Amino acid sequence: DTGGKEVKTGNIDNHNIAKYHIIPTLKKKRITKIDHLIIT
């Protein structure tokens, strides 16, 4: 899973969760690829 939040009609998703939490953590761990992404 990737996390996320419900976007109301007319609003634009800003992807703050990925931008400020997930991607920085992946960079910190030096992860440059995801071999398997499972969306439940």
PDB file of all heavy atoms in Angstrom:
ATOM      1  N   ASP A   1       0.822  -1.208   0.000  1.00  0.00           N
ATOM      2  CA  ASP A   1       0.000   0.000   0.000  1.00  0.00           C
ATOM      3  C   ASP A   1       0.861   1.266   0.000  1.00  0.00           C
ATOM      4  O   ASP A   1       2.044   1.232   0.332  1.00  0.00           O
ATOM      5  CB  ASP A   1      -0.985   0.018   1.173  1.00  0.00           C
ATOM      6  CG  ASP A   1      -2.093  -1.013   1.010  1.00  0.00           C
ATOM      7  OD1 ASP A   1      -2.345  -1.423  -0.140  1.00  0.00           O
ATOM      8  OD2 ASP A   1      -2.692  -1.413   2.017  1.00  0.00           O
ATOM      9  N   THR A   2       0.231   2.364  -0.382  1.00  0.00           N
ATOM     10  CA  THR A   2       0.969   3.623  -0.487  1.00  0.00           C
ATOM     11  C   THR A   2       0.418   4.702   0.443  1.00  0.00           C
ATOM     12  O   THR A   2       1.012   5.765   0.551  1.00  0.00           O
ATOM     13  CB  THR A   2       0.891   4.168  -1.929  1.00  0.00           C
ATOM     14  OG1 THR A   2      -0.472   4.455  -2.249  1.00  0.00           O
ATOM     15  CG2 THR A   2       1.480   3.191  -2.914  1.00  0.00           C
ATOM     16  N   GLY A   3      -0.706   4.410   1.076  1.00  0.00           N
ATOM     17  CA  GLY A   3      -1.333   5.448   1.882  1.00  0.00           C
ATOM     18  C   GLY A   3      -2.026   6.439   0.983  1.00  0.00           C
ATOM     19  O   GLY A   3      -2.093   6.268  -0.234  1.00  0.00           O
ATOM     20  N   GLY A   4      -2.570   7.471   1.563  1.00  0.00           N
ATOM     21  CA  GLY A   4      -3.274   8.491   0.796  1.00  0.00           C
ATOM     22  C   GLY A   4      -4.486   8.960   1.549  1.00  0.00           C
ATOM     23  O   GLY A   4      -4.772   8.503   2.646  1.00  0.00           O
ATOM     24  N   LYS A   5      -5.187   9.885   0.949  1.00  0.00           N
ATOM     25  CA  LYS A   5      -6.411  10.366   1.567  1.00  0.00           C
ATOM     26  C   LYS A   5      -7.434  10.635   0.481  1.00  0.00           C
ATOM     27  O   LYS A   5      -7.100  10.842  -0.676  1.00  0.00           O
ATOM     28  CB  LYS A   5      -6.162  11.607   2.417  1.00  0.00           C
ATOM     29  CG  LYS A   5      -5.600  12.786   1.663  1.00  0.00           C
ATOM     30  CD  LYS A   5      -5.298  13.922   2.607  1.00  0.00           C
ATOM     31  CE  LYS A   5      -4.623  15.037   1.841  1.00  0.00           C
ATOM     32  NZ  LYS A   5      -4.239  16.132   2.677  1.00  0.00           N
ATOM     33  N   GLU A   6      -8.678  10.614   0.890  1.00  0.00           N
ATOM     34  CA  GLU A   6      -9.790  10.843  -0.035  1.00  0.00           C
ATOM     35  C   GLU A   6      -9.748  12.282  -0.523  1.00  0.00           C
ATOM     36  O   GLU A   6      -9.618  13.214   0.254  1.00  0.00           O
ATOM     37  CB  GLU A   6     -11.108  10.565   0.691  1.00  0.00           C
ATOM     38  CG  GLU A   6     -12.276  10.373  -0.227  1.00  0.00           C
ATOM     39  CD  GLU A   6     -12.222   9.064  -0.991  1.00  0.00           C
ATOM     40  OE1 GLU A   6     -11.851   8.039  -0.427  1.00  0.00           O
ATOM     41  OE2 GLU A   6     -12.556   9.088  -2.193  1.00  0.00           O
ATOM     42  N   VAL A   7      -9.820  12.453  -1.849  1.00  0.00           N
ATOM     43  CA  VAL A   7      -9.822  13.791  -2.432  1.00  0.00           C
ATOM     44  C   VAL A   7     -11.256  14.134  -2.811  1.00  0.00           C
ATOM     45  O   VAL A   7     -11.902  13.395  -3.541  1.00  0.00           O
ATOM     46  CB  VAL A   7      -8.910  13.841  -3.689  1.00  0.00           C
ATOM     47  CG1 VAL A   7      -8.944  15.229  -4.295  1.00  0.00           C
ATOM     48  CG2 VAL A   7      -7.510  13.440  -3.328  1.00  0.00           C
ATOM     49  N   LYS A   8     -11.729  15.257  -2.282  1.00  0.00           N
ATOM     50  CA  LYS A   8     -13.092  15.675  -2.585  1.00  0.00           C
ATOM     51  C   LYS A   8     -13.166  16.173  -4.014  1.00  0.00           C
ATOM     52  O   LYS A   8     -12.193  16.668  -4.567  1.00  0.00           O
ATOM     53  CB  LYS A   8     -13.534  16.768  -1.607  1.00  0.00           C
ATOM     54  CG  LYS A   8     -13.591  16.283  -0.185  1.00  0.00           C
ATOM     55  CD  LYS A   8     -13.923  17.399   0.763  1.00  0.00           C
ATOM     56  CE  LYS A   8     -13.877  16.851   2.188  1.00  0.00           C
ATOM     57  NZ  LYS A   8     -13.796  17.904   3.173  1.00  0.00           N
ATOM     58  N   THR A   9     -14.317  16.066  -4.613  1.00  0.00           N
ATOM     59  CA  THR A   9     -14.519  16.493  -5.986  1.00  0.00           C
ATOM     60  C   THR A   9     -14.140  17.954  -6.147  1.00  0.00           C
ATOM     61  O   THR A   9     -14.524  18.806  -5.359  1.00  0.00           O
ATOM     62  CB  THR A   9     -16.004  16.302  -6.392  1.00  0.00           C
ATOM     63  OG1 THR A   9     -16.375  14.964  -6.099  1.00  0.00           O
ATOM     64  CG2 THR A   9     -16.210  16.578  -7.858  1.00  0.00           C
ATOM     65  N   GLY A  10     -13.329  18.217  -7.163  1.00  0.00           N
ATOM     66  CA  GLY A  10     -12.897  19.580  -7.429  1.00  0.00           C
ATOM     67  C   GLY A  10     -11.583  19.948  -6.770  1.00  0.00           C
ATOM     68  O   GLY A  10     -10.947  20.907  -7.143  1.00  0.00           O
ATOM     69  N   ASN A  11     -11.155  19.175  -5.764  1.00  0.00           N
ATOM     70  CA  ASN A  11      -9.875  19.444  -5.093  1.00  0.00           C
ATOM     71  C   ASN A  11      -8.754  18.695  -5.804  1.00  0.00           C
ATOM     72  O   ASN A  11      -8.973  17.648  -6.412  1.00  0.00           O
ATOM     73  CB  ASN A  11      -9.908  19.004  -3.630  1.00  0.00           C
ATOM     74  CG  ASN A  11     -10.809  19.888  -2.798  1.00  0.00           C
ATOM     75  OD1 ASN A  11     -11.260  20.928  -3.260  1.00  0.00           O
ATOM     76  ND2 ASN A  11     -11.076  19.482  -1.585  1.00  0.00           N
ATOM     77  N   ILE A  12      -7.575  19.217  -5.708  1.00  0.00           N
ATOM     78  CA  ILE A  12      -6.410  18.561  -6.294  1.00  0.00           C
ATOM     79  C   ILE A  12      -5.619  17.910  -5.167  1.00  0.00           C
ATOM     80  O   ILE A  12      -5.333  18.550  -4.153  1.00  0.00           O
ATOM     81  CB  ILE A  12      -5.516  19.579  -7.037  1.00  0.00           C
ATOM     82  CG1 ILE A  12      -6.308  20.189  -8.196  1.00  0.00           C
ATOM     83  CG2 ILE A  12      -4.238  18.932  -7.527  1.00  0.00           C
ATOM     84  CD1 ILE A  12      -5.590  21.323  -8.885  1.00  0.00           C
ATOM     85  N   ASP A  13      -5.264  16.632  -5.350  1.00  0.00           N
ATOM     86  CA  ASP A  13      -4.481  15.935  -4.334  1.00  0.00           C
ATOM     87  C   ASP A  13      -3.058  16.467  -4.343  1.00  0.00           C
ATOM     88  O   ASP A  13      -2.419  16.542  -5.387  1.00  0.00           O
ATOM     89  CB  ASP A  13      -4.484  14.424  -4.604  1.00  0.00           C
ATOM     90  CG  ASP A  13      -3.950  13.634  -3.434  1.00  0.00           C
ATOM     91  OD1 ASP A  13      -3.564  14.253  -2.411  1.00  0.00           O
ATOM     92  OD2 ASP A  13      -3.902  12.405  -3.522  1.00  0.00           O
ATOM     93  N   ASN A  14      -2.551  16.847  -3.193  1.00  0.00           N
ATOM     94  CA  ASN A  14      -1.215  17.415  -3.116  1.00  0.00           C
ATOM     95  C   ASN A  14      -0.141  16.372  -2.815  1.00  0.00           C
ATOM     96  O   ASN A  14       1.029  16.690  -2.798  1.00  0.00           O
ATOM     97  CB  ASN A  14      -1.166  18.535  -2.077  1.00  0.00           C
ATOM     98  CG  ASN A  14      -1.631  18.069  -0.718  1.00  0.00           C
ATOM     99  OD1 ASN A  14      -1.729  16.884  -0.439  1.00  0.00           O
ATOM    100  ND2 ASN A  14      -1.938  19.020   0.147  1.00  0.00           N
ATOM    101  N   HIS A  15      -0.525  15.145  -2.527  1.00  0.00           N
ATOM    102  CA  HIS A  15       0.404  14.040  -2.272  1.00  0.00           C
ATOM    103  C   HIS A  15       1.412  14.357  -1.178  1.00  0.00           C
ATOM    104  O   HIS A  15       2.572  13.985  -1.257  1.00  0.00           O
ATOM    105  CB  HIS A  15       1.125  13.628  -3.560  1.00  0.00           C
ATOM    106  CG  HIS A  15       0.210  13.082  -4.604  1.00  0.00           C
ATOM    107  ND1 HIS A  15      -0.440  11.891  -4.465  1.00  0.00           N
ATOM    108  CD2 HIS A  15      -0.189  13.594  -5.791  1.00  0.00           C
ATOM    109  CE1 HIS A  15      -1.194  11.668  -5.526  1.00  0.00           C
ATOM    110  NE2 HIS A  15      -1.061  12.694  -6.346  1.00  0.00           N
ATOM    111  N   ASN A  16       0.974  15.050  -0.130  1.00  0.00           N
ATOM    112  CA  ASN A  16       1.876  15.403   0.963  1.00  0.00           C
ATOM    113  C   ASN A  16       2.442  14.173   1.671  1.00  0.00           C
ATOM    114  O   ASN A  16       3.578  14.208   2.139  1.00  0.00           O
ATOM    115  CB  ASN A  16       1.174  16.293   1.987  1.00  0.00           C
ATOM    116  CG  ASN A  16       1.094  17.727   1.519  1.00  0.00           C
ATOM    117  OD1 ASN A  16       1.848  18.150   0.646  1.00  0.00           O
ATOM    118  ND2 ASN A  16       0.169  18.485   2.085  1.00  0.00           N
ATOM    119  N   ILE A  17       1.669  13.106   1.766  1.00  0.00           N
ATOM    120  CA  ILE A  17       2.144  11.908   2.464  1.00  0.00           C
ATOM    121  C   ILE A  17       3.355  11.333   1.745  1.00  0.00           C
ATOM    122  O   ILE A  17       4.377  11.040   2.361  1.00  0.00           O
ATOM    123  CB  ILE A  17       1.006  10.869   2.584  1.00  0.00           C
ATOM    124  CG1 ILE A  17      -0.094  11.405   3.501  1.00  0.00           C
ATOM    125  CG2 ILE A  17       1.544   9.541   3.110  1.00  0.00           C
ATOM    126  CD1 ILE A  17      -1.378  10.602   3.471  1.00  0.00           C
ATOM    127  N   ALA A  18       3.249  11.168   0.438  1.00  0.00           N
ATOM    128  CA  ALA A  18       4.383  10.625  -0.326  1.00  0.00           C
ATOM    129  C   ALA A  18       5.524  11.632  -0.388  1.00  0.00           C
ATOM    130  O   ALA A  18       6.689  11.270  -0.236  1.00  0.00           O
ATOM    131  CB  ALA A  18       3.949  10.236  -1.732  1.00  0.00           C
ATOM    132  N   LYS A  19       5.187  12.891  -0.610  1.00  0.00           N
ATOM    133  CA  LYS A  19       6.203  13.929  -0.794  1.00  0.00           C
ATOM    134  C   LYS A  19       7.028  14.165   0.469  1.00  0.00           C
ATOM    135  O   LYS A  19       8.242  14.324   0.400  1.00  0.00           O
ATOM    136  CB  LYS A  19       5.521  15.234  -1.210  1.00  0.00           C
ATOM    137  CG  LYS A  19       6.473  16.325  -1.648  1.00  0.00           C
ATOM    138  CD  LYS A  19       5.749  17.638  -1.943  1.00  0.00           C
ATOM    139  CE  LYS A  19       4.760  17.508  -3.049  1.00  0.00           C
ATOM    140  NZ  LYS A  19       4.086  18.773  -3.405  1.00  0.00           N
ATOM    141  N   TYR A  20       6.385  14.158   1.630  1.00  0.00           N
ATOM    142  CA  TYR A  20       7.074  14.535   2.858  1.00  0.00           C
ATOM    143  C   TYR A  20       7.382  13.370   3.799  1.00  0.00           C
ATOM    144  O   TYR A  20       8.117  13.564   4.769  1.00  0.00           O
ATOM    145  CB  TYR A  20       6.273  15.603   3.606  1.00  0.00           C
ATOM    146  CG  TYR A  20       6.149  16.871   2.803  1.00  0.00           C
ATOM    147  CD1 TYR A  20       4.924  17.292   2.321  1.00  0.00           C
ATOM    148  CD2 TYR A  20       7.278  17.629   2.494  1.00  0.00           C
ATOM    149  CE1 TYR A  20       4.812  18.456   1.572  1.00  0.00           C
ATOM    150  CE2 TYR A  20       7.178  18.784   1.740  1.00  0.00           C
ATOM    151  CZ  TYR A  20       5.940  19.191   1.287  1.00  0.00           C
ATOM    152  OH  TYR A  20       5.841  20.332   0.534  1.00  0.00           O
ATOM    153  N   HIS A  21       6.821  12.192   3.539  1.00  0.00           N
ATOM    154  CA  HIS A  21       7.081  11.066   4.431  1.00  0.00           C
ATOM    155  C   HIS A  21       7.697   9.868   3.707  1.00  0.00           C
ATOM    156  O   HIS A  21       8.774   9.400   4.080  1.00  0.00           O
ATOM    157  CB  HIS A  21       5.798  10.636   5.145  1.00  0.00           C
ATOM    158  CG  HIS A  21       5.220  11.685   6.035  1.00  0.00           C
ATOM    159  ND1 HIS A  21       5.834  12.128   7.180  1.00  0.00           N
ATOM    160  CD2 HIS A  21       4.092  12.406   5.928  1.00  0.00           C
ATOM    161  CE1 HIS A  21       5.111  13.061   7.744  1.00  0.00           C
ATOM    162  NE2 HIS A  21       4.043  13.268   7.002  1.00  0.00           N
ATOM    163  N   ILE A  22       7.004   9.383   2.679  1.00  0.00           N
ATOM    164  CA  ILE A  22       7.436   8.138   2.043  1.00  0.00           C
ATOM    165  C   ILE A  22       8.707   8.330   1.224  1.00  0.00           C
ATOM    166  O   ILE A  22       9.707   7.626   1.438  1.00  0.00           O
ATOM    167  CB  ILE A  22       6.293   7.544   1.188  1.00  0.00           C
ATOM    168  CG1 ILE A  22       5.124   7.154   2.102  1.00  0.00           C
ATOM    169  CG2 ILE A  22       6.793   6.336   0.404  1.00  0.00           C
ATOM    170  CD1 ILE A  22       3.889   6.690   1.381  1.00  0.00           C
ATOM    171  N   ILE A  23       8.715   9.254   0.277  1.00  0.00           N
ATOM    172  CA  ILE A  23       9.886   9.448  -0.595  1.00  0.00           C
ATOM    173  C   ILE A  23      11.133   9.832   0.206  1.00  0.00           C
ATOM    174  O   ILE A  23      12.202   9.248  -0.025  1.00  0.00           O
ATOM    175  CB  ILE A  23       9.579  10.479  -1.708  1.00  0.00           C
ATOM    176  CG1 ILE A  23       8.443   9.991  -2.619  1.00  0.00           C
ATOM    177  CG2 ILE A  23      10.826  10.789  -2.524  1.00  0.00           C
ATOM    178  CD1 ILE A  23       8.732   8.730  -3.401  1.00  0.00           C
ATOM    179  N   PRO A  24      11.070  10.772   1.162  1.00  0.00           N
ATOM    180  CA  PRO A  24      12.280  11.063   1.944  1.00  0.00           C
ATOM    181  C   PRO A  24      12.809   9.847   2.720  1.00  0.00           C
ATOM    182  O   PRO A  24      14.012   9.654   2.826  1.00  0.00           O
ATOM    183  CB  PRO A  24      11.845  12.172   2.893  1.00  0.00           C
ATOM    184  CG  PRO A  24      10.720  12.836   2.193  1.00  0.00           C
ATOM    185  CD  PRO A  24      10.012  11.741   1.461  1.00  0.00           C
ATOM    186  N   THR A  25      11.890   9.024   3.234  1.00  0.00           N
ATOM    187  CA  THR A  25      12.326   7.823   3.955  1.00  0.00           C
ATOM    188  C   THR A  25      13.004   6.844   3.005  1.00  0.00           C
ATOM    189  O   THR A  25      14.033   6.253   3.340  1.00  0.00           O
ATOM    190  CB  THR A  25      11.126   7.143   4.650  1.00  0.00           C
ATOM    191  OG1 THR A  25      10.526   8.074   5.544  1.00  0.00           O
ATOM    192  CG2 THR A  25      11.574   5.909   5.421  1.00  0.00           C
ATOM    193  N   LEU A  26      12.449   6.682   1.811  1.00  0.00           N
ATOM    194  CA  LEU A  26      13.074   5.795   0.823  1.00  0.00           C
ATOM    195  C   LEU A  26      14.460   6.310   0.441  1.00  0.00           C
ATOM    196  O   LEU A  26      15.410   5.536   0.328  1.00  0.00           O
ATOM    197  CB  LEU A  26      12.183   5.660  -0.418  1.00  0.00           C
ATOM    198  CG  LEU A  26      10.820   4.993  -0.203  1.00  0.00           C
ATOM    199  CD1 LEU A  26      10.021   4.988  -1.502  1.00  0.00           C
ATOM    200  CD2 LEU A  26      10.961   3.593   0.333  1.00  0.00           C
ATOM    201  N   LYS A  27      14.588   7.623   0.258  1.00  0.00           N
ATOM    202  CA  LYS A  27      15.895   8.198  -0.074  1.00  0.00           C
ATOM    203  C   LYS A  27      16.879   8.006   1.068  1.00  0.00           C
ATOM    204  O   LYS A  27      18.042   7.706   0.842  1.00  0.00           O
ATOM    205  CB  LYS A  27      15.760   9.681  -0.418  1.00  0.00           C
ATOM    206  CG  LYS A  27      15.139   9.922  -1.764  1.00  0.00           C
ATOM    207  CD  LYS A  27      15.065  11.391  -2.083  1.00  0.00           C
ATOM    208  CE  LYS A  27      14.462  11.610  -3.453  1.00  0.00           C
ATOM    209  NZ  LYS A  27      14.406  13.031  -3.803  1.00  0.00           N
ATOM    210  N   LYS A  28      16.412   8.190   2.286  1.00  0.00           N
ATOM    211  CA  LYS A  28      17.277   8.015   3.452  1.00  0.00           C
ATOM    212  C   LYS A  28      17.790   6.582   3.528  1.00  0.00           C
ATOM    213  O   LYS A  28      18.934   6.340   3.881  1.00  0.00           O
ATOM    214  CB  LYS A  28      16.508   8.364   4.724  1.00  0.00           C
ATOM    215  CG  LYS A  28      17.315   8.245   5.990  1.00  0.00           C
ATOM    216  CD  LYS A  28      16.475   8.643   7.185  1.00  0.00           C
ATOM    217  CE  LYS A  28      17.258   8.465   8.467  1.00  0.00           C
ATOM    218  NZ  LYS A  28      16.440   8.760   9.637  1.00  0.00           N
ATOM    219  N   LYS A  29      16.942   5.638   3.162  1.00  0.00           N
ATOM    220  CA  LYS A  29      17.331   4.226   3.174  1.00  0.00           C
ATOM    221  C   LYS A  29      18.032   3.816   1.878  1.00  0.00           C
ATOM    222  O   LYS A  29      18.304   2.648   1.664  1.00  0.00           O
ATOM    223  CB  LYS A  29      16.101   3.347   3.411  1.00  0.00           C
ATOM    224  CG  LYS A  29      15.520   3.485   4.792  1.00  0.00           C
ATOM    225  CD  LYS A  29      14.298   2.607   4.930  1.00  0.00           C
ATOM    226  CE  LYS A  29      13.910   2.441   6.360  1.00  0.00           C
ATOM    227  NZ  LYS A  29      14.795   1.592   7.103  1.00  0.00           N
ATOM    228  N   ARG A  30      18.247   4.792   0.994  1.00  0.00           N
ATOM    229  CA  ARG A  30      18.915   4.573  -0.295  1.00  0.00           C
ATOM    230  C   ARG A  30      18.169   3.563  -1.164  1.00  0.00           C
ATOM    231  O   ARG A  30      18.762   2.780  -1.879  1.00  0.00           O
ATOM    232  CB  ARG A  30      20.361   4.167  -0.078  1.00  0.00           C
ATOM    233  CG  ARG A  30      21.130   5.242   0.687  1.00  0.00           C
ATOM    234  CD  ARG A  30      22.543   4.917   0.838  1.00  0.00           C
ATOM    235  NE  ARG A  30      23.182   5.111  -0.467  1.00  0.00           N
ATOM    236  CZ  ARG A  30      24.461   5.018  -0.658  1.00  0.00           C
ATOM    237  NH1 ARG A  30      25.259   4.737   0.317  1.00  0.00           N
ATOM    238  NH2 ARG A  30      24.978   5.208  -1.848  1.00  0.00           N
ATOM    239  N   ILE A  31      16.865   3.621  -1.121  1.00  0.00           N
ATOM    240  CA  ILE A  31      16.022   2.762  -1.954  1.00  0.00           C
ATOM    241  C   ILE A  31      15.712   3.522  -3.234  1.00  0.00           C
ATOM    242  O   ILE A  31      15.106   4.585  -3.197  1.00  0.00           O
ATOM    243  CB  ILE A  31      14.728   2.362  -1.213  1.00  0.00           C
ATOM    244  CG1 ILE A  31      15.066   1.519   0.016  1.00  0.00           C
ATOM    245  CG2 ILE A  31      13.776   1.631  -2.150  1.00  0.00           C
ATOM    246  CD1 ILE A  31      13.875   1.218   0.898  1.00  0.00           C
ATOM    247  N   THR A  32      16.138   2.975  -4.365  1.00  0.00           N
ATOM    248  CA  THR A  32      15.924   3.634  -5.647  1.00  0.00           C
ATOM    249  C   THR A  32      14.870   2.936  -6.495  1.00  0.00           C
ATOM    250  O   THR A  32      14.488   3.445  -7.532  1.00  0.00           O
ATOM    251  CB  THR A  32      17.238   3.686  -6.440  1.00  0.00           C
ATOM    252  OG1 THR A  32      17.719   2.345  -6.615  1.00  0.00           O
ATOM    253  CG2 THR A  32      18.280   4.519  -5.716  1.00  0.00           C
ATOM    254  N   LYS A  33      14.422   1.766  -6.053  1.00  0.00           N
ATOM    255  CA  LYS A  33      13.391   1.038  -6.794  1.00  0.00           C
ATOM    256  C   LYS A  33      12.569   0.214  -5.817  1.00  0.00           C
ATOM    257  O   LYS A  33      13.034  -0.139  -4.742  1.00  0.00           O
ATOM    258  CB  LYS A  33      14.007   0.144  -7.862  1.00  0.00           C
ATOM    259  CG  LYS A  33      14.803  -1.004  -7.295  1.00  0.00           C
ATOM    260  CD  LYS A  33      15.339  -1.903  -8.370  1.00  0.00           C
ATOM    261  CE  LYS A  33      16.262  -2.970  -7.900  1.00  0.00           C
ATOM    262  NZ  LYS A  33      16.053  -3.563  -6.612  1.00  0.00           N
ATOM    263  N   ILE A  34      11.356  -0.063  -6.221  1.00  0.00           N
ATOM    264  CA  ILE A  34      10.494  -0.963  -5.464  1.00  0.00           C
ATOM    265  C   ILE A  34      10.294  -2.178  -6.351  1.00  0.00           C
ATOM    266  O   ILE A  34       9.759  -2.063  -7.458  1.00  0.00           O
ATOM    267  CB  ILE A  34       9.153  -0.287  -5.111  1.00  0.00           C
ATOM    268  CG1 ILE A  34       9.396   0.917  -4.208  1.00  0.00           C
ATOM    269  CG2 ILE A  34       8.217  -1.283  -4.451  1.00  0.00           C
ATOM    270  CD1 ILE A  34       8.173   1.772  -3.963  1.00  0.00           C
ATOM    271  N   ASP A  35      10.744  -3.334  -5.881  1.00  0.00           N
ATOM    272  CA  ASP A  35      10.642  -4.552  -6.692  1.00  0.00           C
ATOM    273  C   ASP A  35       9.203  -5.039  -6.791  1.00  0.00           C
ATOM    274  O   ASP A  35       8.771  -5.470  -7.849  1.00  0.00           O
ATOM    275  CB  ASP A  35      11.532  -5.648  -6.100  1.00  0.00           C
ATOM    276  CG  ASP A  35      12.994  -5.270  -6.158  1.00  0.00           C
ATOM    277  OD1 ASP A  35      13.488  -5.055  -7.277  1.00  0.00           O
ATOM    278  OD2 ASP A  35      13.632  -5.162  -5.095  1.00  0.00           O
ATOM    279  N   HIS A  36       8.470  -4.987  -5.688  1.00  0.00           N
ATOM    280  CA  HIS A  36       7.088  -5.472  -5.668  1.00  0.00           C
ATOM    281  C   HIS A  36       6.234  -4.486  -4.869  1.00  0.00           C
ATOM    282  O   HIS A  36       6.513  -4.233  -3.709  1.00  0.00           O
ATOM    283  CB  HIS A  36       7.010  -6.851  -5.001  1.00  0.00           C
ATOM    284  CG  HIS A  36       7.942  -7.860  -5.582  1.00  0.00           C
ATOM    285  ND1 HIS A  36       7.666  -8.553  -6.732  1.00  0.00           N
ATOM    286  CD2 HIS A  36       9.175  -8.262  -5.187  1.00  0.00           C
ATOM    287  CE1 HIS A  36       8.677  -9.357  -7.010  1.00  0.00           C
ATOM    288  NE2 HIS A  36       9.609  -9.201  -6.089  1.00  0.00           N
ATOM    289  N   LEU A  37       5.215  -3.941  -5.511  1.00  0.00           N
ATOM    290  CA  LEU A  37       4.263  -3.069  -4.828  1.00  0.00           C
ATOM    291  C   LEU A  37       2.916  -3.776  -4.802  1.00  0.00           C
ATOM    292  O   LEU A  37       2.361  -4.112  -5.848  1.00  0.00           O
ATOM    293  CB  LEU A  37       4.132  -1.713  -5.532  1.00  0.00           C
ATOM    294  CG  LEU A  37       3.084  -0.759  -4.968  1.00  0.00           C
ATOM    295  CD1 LEU A  37       3.331  -0.461  -3.499  1.00  0.00           C
ATOM    296  CD2 LEU A  37       3.035   0.524  -5.764  1.00  0.00           C
ATOM    297  N   ILE A  38       2.432  -4.030  -3.609  1.00  0.00           N
ATOM    298  CA  ILE A  38       1.166  -4.746  -3.424  1.00  0.00           C
ATOM    299  C   ILE A  38       0.121  -3.741  -2.933  1.00  0.00           C
ATOM    300  O   ILE A  38       0.319  -3.085  -1.914  1.00  0.00           O
ATOM    301  CB  ILE A  38       1.319  -5.870  -2.378  1.00  0.00           C
ATOM    302  CG1 ILE A  38       2.408  -6.843  -2.824  1.00  0.00           C
ATOM    303  CG2 ILE A  38      -0.007  -6.579  -2.137  1.00  0.00           C
ATOM    304  CD1 ILE A  38       2.901  -7.777  -1.741  1.00  0.00           C
ATOM    305  N   ILE A  39      -0.952  -3.607  -3.700  1.00  0.00           N
ATOM    306  CA  ILE A  39      -2.062  -2.743  -3.303  1.00  0.00           C
ATOM    307  C   ILE A  39      -3.189  -3.665  -2.846  1.00  0.00           C
ATOM    308  O   ILE A  39      -3.712  -4.449  -3.636  1.00  0.00           O
ATOM    309  CB  ILE A  39      -2.537  -1.838  -4.463  1.00  0.00           C
ATOM    310  CG1 ILE A  39      -1.378  -0.987  -4.996  1.00  0.00           C
ATOM    311  CG2 ILE A  39      -3.712  -0.980  -4.016  1.00  0.00           C
ATOM    312  CD1 ILE A  39      -0.824   0.018  -4.034  1.00  0.00           C
ATOM    313  N   THR A  40      -3.559  -3.591  -1.569  1.00  0.00           N
ATOM    314  CA  THR A  40      -4.522  -4.544  -1.014  1.00  0.00           C
ATOM    315  C   THR A  40      -5.942  -4.322  -1.526  1.00  0.00           C
ATOM    316  O   THR A  40      -6.647  -5.285  -1.796  1.00  0.00           O
ATOM    317  CB  THR A  40      -4.515  -4.479   0.524  1.00  0.00           C
ATOM    318  OG1 THR A  40      -4.777  -3.135   0.945  1.00  0.00           O
ATOM    319  CG2 THR A  40      -3.175  -4.947   1.073  1.00  0.00           C
TER     320      THR A  40
END
